[in-house]
């Protein structure tokens, strides 16, 4: 995904979140300051998690052809793509990247680390 595509995806998420918040406000009629703050915090939390995931996915897979095992130095073998869930400060993010395995050490490697 290129820079323009990432920006477009993030902007779509922002627009969706703002529309959702505005619609909720219109449905409720009169909103208190507390209601407004709760909406804004909810939108901010949702967007920060989604933005984190978009940016992590964009930077997810550098070319790593047959890396060497950090323990024994042997070539590690590509075992396909694997999914991992990583908890970040903005929420849980799903990563899908190349996975390598060293048969000698029985260790896996999920680049970039």
C-alpha atoms as a PDB file:
ATOM      1  CA  UNK A   1       0.000   0.000   0.000  1.00  0.00           C
ATOM      2  CA  UNK A   2       1.424   3.353  -1.028  1.00  0.00           C
ATOM      3  CA  UNK A   3       1.354   6.617   0.887  1.00  0.00           C
ATOM      4  CA  UNK A   4      -1.710   7.936  -0.990  1.00  0.00           C
ATOM      5  CA  UNK A   5      -3.628   4.695  -0.396  1.00  0.00           C
ATOM      6  CA  UNK A   6      -2.801   4.715   3.307  1.00  0.00           C
ATOM      7  CA  UNK A   7      -3.842   8.345   3.617  1.00  0.00           C
ATOM      8  CA  UNK A   8      -7.116   7.641   1.758  1.00  0.00           C
ATOM      9  CA  UNK A   9      -7.865   4.632   3.993  1.00  0.00           C
ATOM     10  CA  UNK A  10      -7.198   6.628   7.166  1.00  0.00           C
ATOM     11  CA  UNK A  11      -9.270   9.579   5.948  1.00  0.00           C
ATOM     12  CA  UNK A  12     -12.190   7.243   5.158  1.00  0.00           C
ATOM     13  CA  UNK A  13     -12.014   5.925   8.723  1.00  0.00           C
ATOM     14  CA  UNK A  14     -11.950   9.466  10.124  1.00  0.00           C
ATOM     15  CA  UNK A  15     -14.938  10.509   8.000  1.00  0.00           C
ATOM     16  CA  UNK A  16     -16.892   7.383   9.019  1.00  0.00           C
ATOM     17  CA  UNK A  17     -16.175   8.011  12.702  1.00  0.00           C
ATOM     18  CA  UNK A  18     -17.180  11.687  12.490  1.00  0.00           C
ATOM     19  CA  UNK A  19     -20.398  10.828  10.611  1.00  0.00           C
ATOM     20  CA  UNK A  20     -21.234   8.183  13.210  1.00  0.00           C
ATOM     21  CA  UNK A  21     -20.644  10.637  16.078  1.00  0.00           C
ATOM     22  CA  UNK A  22     -22.700  13.382  14.406  1.00  0.00           C
ATOM     23  CA  UNK A  23     -25.578  10.981  13.691  1.00  0.00           C
ATOM     24  CA  UNK A  24     -25.544   9.824  17.306  1.00  0.00           C
ATOM     25  CA  UNK A  25     -25.652  13.435  18.463  1.00  0.00           C
ATOM     26  CA  UNK A  26     -28.589  14.242  16.179  1.00  0.00           C
ATOM     27  CA  UNK A  27     -30.532  11.209  17.396  1.00  0.00           C
ATOM     28  CA  UNK A  28     -30.025  12.134  21.027  1.00  0.00           C
ATOM     29  CA  UNK A  29     -31.286  15.675  20.501  1.00  0.00           C
ATOM     30  CA  UNK A  30     -29.634  17.701  23.197  1.00  0.00           C
ATOM     31  CA  UNK A  31     -26.261  16.387  24.309  1.00  0.00           C
ATOM     32  CA  UNK A  32     -24.606  17.202  27.598  1.00  0.00           C
ATOM     33  CA  UNK A  33     -20.912  18.023  27.800  1.00  0.00           C
ATOM     34  CA  UNK A  34     -20.378  14.578  29.306  1.00  0.00           C
ATOM     35  CA  UNK A  35     -22.165  12.942  26.320  1.00  0.00           C
ATOM     36  CA  UNK A  36     -19.986  14.901  23.898  1.00  0.00           C
ATOM     37  CA  UNK A  37     -16.802  13.972  25.737  1.00  0.00           C
ATOM     38  CA  UNK A  38     -17.761  10.288  25.737  1.00  0.00           C
ATOM     39  CA  UNK A  39     -18.414  10.386  21.978  1.00  0.00           C
ATOM     40  CA  UNK A  40     -15.120  12.128  21.261  1.00  0.00           C
ATOM     41  CA  UNK A  41     -13.142   9.726  23.465  1.00  0.00           C
ATOM     42  CA  UNK A  42     -14.837   6.741  21.836  1.00  0.00           C
ATOM     43  CA  UNK A  43     -14.107   8.023  18.327  1.00  0.00           C
ATOM     44  CA  UNK A  44     -10.518   8.841  19.277  1.00  0.00           C
ATOM     45  CA  UNK A  45      -9.945   5.399  20.733  1.00  0.00           C
ATOM     46  CA  UNK A  46     -11.430   3.668  17.698  1.00  0.00           C
ATOM     47  CA  UNK A  47      -9.402   5.767  15.268  1.00  0.00           C
ATOM     48  CA  UNK A  48      -6.116   5.398  17.110  1.00  0.00           C
ATOM     49  CA  UNK A  49      -6.430   1.611  17.053  1.00  0.00           C
ATOM     50  CA  UNK A  50      -7.346   1.517  13.369  1.00  0.00           C
ATOM     51  CA  UNK A  51      -4.612   3.988  12.429  1.00  0.00           C
ATOM     52  CA  UNK A  52      -2.051   1.915  14.319  1.00  0.00           C
ATOM     53  CA  UNK A  53      -3.148  -1.204  12.455  1.00  0.00           C
ATOM     54  CA  UNK A  54      -3.041   0.505   9.038  1.00  0.00           C
ATOM     55  CA  UNK A  55       0.463   1.856   9.643  1.00  0.00           C
ATOM     56  CA  UNK A  56       1.777  -1.424  11.082  1.00  0.00           C
ATOM     57  CA  UNK A  57       0.382  -3.369   8.120  1.00  0.00           C
ATOM     58  CA  UNK A  58       2.025  -0.908   5.711  1.00  0.00           C
ATOM     59  CA  UNK A  59       5.453  -1.500   7.247  1.00  0.00           C
ATOM     60  CA  UNK A  60       4.920  -5.156   7.945  1.00  0.00           C
ATOM     61  CA  UNK A  61       7.084  -7.140   5.600  1.00  0.00           C
ATOM     62  CA  UNK A  62      10.602  -6.223   4.656  1.00  0.00           C
ATOM     63  CA  UNK A  63      12.284  -8.636   2.263  1.00  0.00           C
ATOM     64  CA  UNK A  64      14.090 -11.207   4.400  1.00  0.00           C
ATOM     65  CA  UNK A  65      15.255 -14.069   2.191  1.00  0.00           C
ATOM     66  CA  UNK A  66      16.302 -17.048   4.330  1.00  0.00           C
ATOM     67  CA  UNK A  67      17.560 -15.211   7.431  1.00  0.00           C
ATOM     68  CA  UNK A  68      20.211 -16.789   9.611  1.00  0.00           C
ATOM     69  CA  UNK A  69      19.199 -18.148  12.999  1.00  0.00           C
ATOM     70  CA  UNK A  70      20.376 -15.814  15.766  1.00  0.00           C
ATOM     71  CA  UNK A  71      21.256 -18.826  17.947  1.00  0.00           C
ATOM     72  CA  UNK A  72      23.105 -21.253  15.648  1.00  0.00           C
ATOM     73  CA  UNK A  73      23.663 -19.277  12.440  1.00  0.00           C
ATOM     74  CA  UNK A  74      21.880 -21.823  10.217  1.00  0.00           C
ATOM     75  CA  UNK A  75      19.577 -20.678   7.464  1.00  0.00           C
ATOM     76  CA  UNK A  76      15.992 -20.433   8.628  1.00  0.00           C
ATOM     77  CA  UNK A  77      13.257 -21.819   6.381  1.00  0.00           C
ATOM     78  CA  UNK A  78      10.171 -19.964   5.231  1.00  0.00           C
ATOM     79  CA  UNK A  79       7.030 -21.540   6.728  1.00  0.00           C
ATOM     80  CA  UNK A  80       4.403 -19.283   5.192  1.00  0.00           C
ATOM     81  CA  UNK A  81       2.523 -16.331   6.568  1.00  0.00           C
ATOM     82  CA  UNK A  82       1.434 -16.373  10.190  1.00  0.00           C
ATOM     83  CA  UNK A  83      -0.865 -14.123  12.156  1.00  0.00           C
ATOM     84  CA  UNK A  84      -0.026 -12.620  15.484  1.00  0.00           C
ATOM     85  CA  UNK A  85      -1.910 -10.257  17.731  1.00  0.00           C
ATOM     86  CA  UNK A  86       0.168  -7.558  19.344  1.00  0.00           C
ATOM     87  CA  UNK A  87      -1.099  -5.315  22.106  1.00  0.00           C
ATOM     88  CA  UNK A  88      -0.017  -1.728  21.503  1.00  0.00           C
ATOM     89  CA  UNK A  89      -0.712   1.424  23.479  1.00  0.00           C
ATOM     90  CA  UNK A  90      -3.592   2.125  21.087  1.00  0.00           C
ATOM     91  CA  UNK A  91      -5.122  -1.342  21.268  1.00  0.00           C
ATOM     92  CA  UNK A  92      -4.647  -4.800  19.853  1.00  0.00           C
ATOM     93  CA  UNK A  93      -3.271  -5.017  16.294  1.00  0.00           C
ATOM     94  CA  UNK A  94      -3.333  -8.036  14.006  1.00  0.00           C
ATOM     95  CA  UNK A  95      -0.134  -8.684  12.057  1.00  0.00           C
ATOM     96  CA  UNK A  96       0.300 -11.128   9.191  1.00  0.00           C
ATOM     97  CA  UNK A  97       3.889 -11.583   8.085  1.00  0.00           C
ATOM     98  CA  UNK A  98       6.369 -14.128   6.823  1.00  0.00           C
ATOM     99  CA  UNK A  99       7.386 -16.700   9.415  1.00  0.00           C
ATOM    100  CA  UNK A 100      10.754 -18.500   9.406  1.00  0.00           C
ATOM    101  CA  UNK A 101      11.774 -21.535  11.418  1.00  0.00           C
ATOM    102  CA  UNK A 102      15.119 -23.076  12.417  1.00  0.00           C
ATOM    103  CA  UNK A 103      14.832 -26.863  12.598  1.00  0.00           C
ATOM    104  CA  UNK A 104      18.090 -27.124  14.550  1.00  0.00           C
ATOM    105  CA  UNK A 105      17.152 -24.733  17.362  1.00  0.00           C
ATOM    106  CA  UNK A 106      13.414 -25.117  16.982  1.00  0.00           C
ATOM    107  CA  UNK A 107      13.042 -21.363  17.051  1.00  0.00           C
ATOM    108  CA  UNK A 108      10.788 -19.172  14.979  1.00  0.00           C
ATOM    109  CA  UNK A 109      11.378 -15.727  13.554  1.00  0.00           C
ATOM    110  CA  UNK A 110       8.651 -13.237  12.660  1.00  0.00           C
ATOM    111  CA  UNK A 111      10.451 -10.343  10.889  1.00  0.00           C
ATOM    112  CA  UNK A 112      11.153  -7.575  11.576  1.00  0.00           C
ATOM    113  CA  UNK A 113      11.524  -8.979  15.071  1.00  0.00           C
END
